[in-house]
Amino acid sequence: MTDPITTAPPVLGGRAMDLTADDDPAILSVSGWGDVAPPSDLELLRVTDLTVGFPTEDGVVTAVRGVSYTLHEREVLGIVGESGSGKSVSSMAVMGLLPKSARVTGSVSFRGQDVLSMSGRQKRNLRGSKIAMIFQDPMTALNPVYTIGDQLAEAVRAHEVMTKKQALSRAEEMLDLVGIPQPKSRVKNYPHEFSGGMRQRAMIAMAVINNPDVIIADEPTTALDVTVQAQILEKLLEVKDAVNAAIILITHDLGVVAGMAHRVLVMYAGRPVELGGTDDVFYRPRMPYTAGLLGSMPSLDGSESRLRPIKGAPPSLINMPKGCPFSPRCPLVTQVCREVEPPLVPTDNHAQVAACHHWERMAEVDDPTQFFRADSEVVL
């Protein structure tokens, strides 16, 4: 039997995507972000039962619990969830960038090689050349005392033998690739001479300068206005296809995920609670938390008069409640939810899994977000 957690769906996700019989199967169009190539069958990254804990004076903070997913060539995997759900920590564990005090278990396999068992030297060779990361804050990620060109050149010379002149030439090519005008003169600029959007483009250039197989983008549009955000995301997809890479997109913005991700992994309290194709997760959520996230989004057509926030707050990662961690906030909670934490199980769609005892109830209604509305607004 095929493992539903690690099987990529055969179709491309995208909330705004409409396919017809005349569509080219090689390139599928996603509204807003241009053309996104579908993933191939080649598996690049496999994460299995990844768990990360941090010892503290009050106990062990289990920031990540049992994360499992696969990533295929040219695939875009979106990871969403509230702050503190373990999105960034799980990706830092994949990169091997966590402090030595972190307790990491499980397995991370890149092209069949066990990443967690690698030596420090092997991990350094892997980072940047095969797996690259775009860090969350472009304002502080760049060194203010070195030019943009020097920092890009250092990134490429760390993995390839070439002269500084050759590395600066490569840096110019990368700045041109990410859409920075006059790259020949811009490589001599310092970070403070770049705007926020240009710094983010420079970070993308640094991530792809060694043609990596996997790009981890951690909130790549933080603190940027929506116009620049759209440009950055479109450029990221263009660069992805140019170097034939896969992307792990970590974000709070469900609209971004809907527009560019093939699959979506929803995390809550350090663990995955739903995984499936983008269309399936957005239109047919099978986990109440996912429905709550979707219901809290503003409606552009004016059909909703106000936002529907999820009541309560995420649980403490030191003293996790018994049963389902979402049960104190869930409108479908029953006694079994308070006593037994549900595993990820296949739903009515074999390529979609959810951690919920009552996913069948979600499947019985056309709009699962209605469970989070006021009683007077619910129409079953």
Foldseek 3Di string as FASTA:
>chain_A
DDDLQADFDPDFFFQQFDDDPPDDLQWGAFPLQGIQGAFDPAWFKWFFQKWKWAQDPLGIQTQAGTATYTFGFSAEEEEAEDPSLNPVVVVCVLLVNDDPRMDIDGFMAGSRRTQVPDDPVVSQLCELQAEYEQDAALLPPFDQVAFLLVVLLVSVVSHDDDDSVVSSVLLLVLLVLLPNPPSVVRSRHGPVVDDRLSSLSSSLSSSCSNLYQEYEYANSQPPHDPVSVSSNSSSSSVSCVVSRHYYYYYDHDLNSCNRHHQKYFYGALNYTFKIAGNNCCQQQNLEQVSLQSNQQDDDPVPPDPHGQHQPDDFDGSRDQAAADSCQVRGLPHDPNRRHHFFDWDADPDSNMTGGDPPSVVSRVDRRSNLSRDDPVPRDD
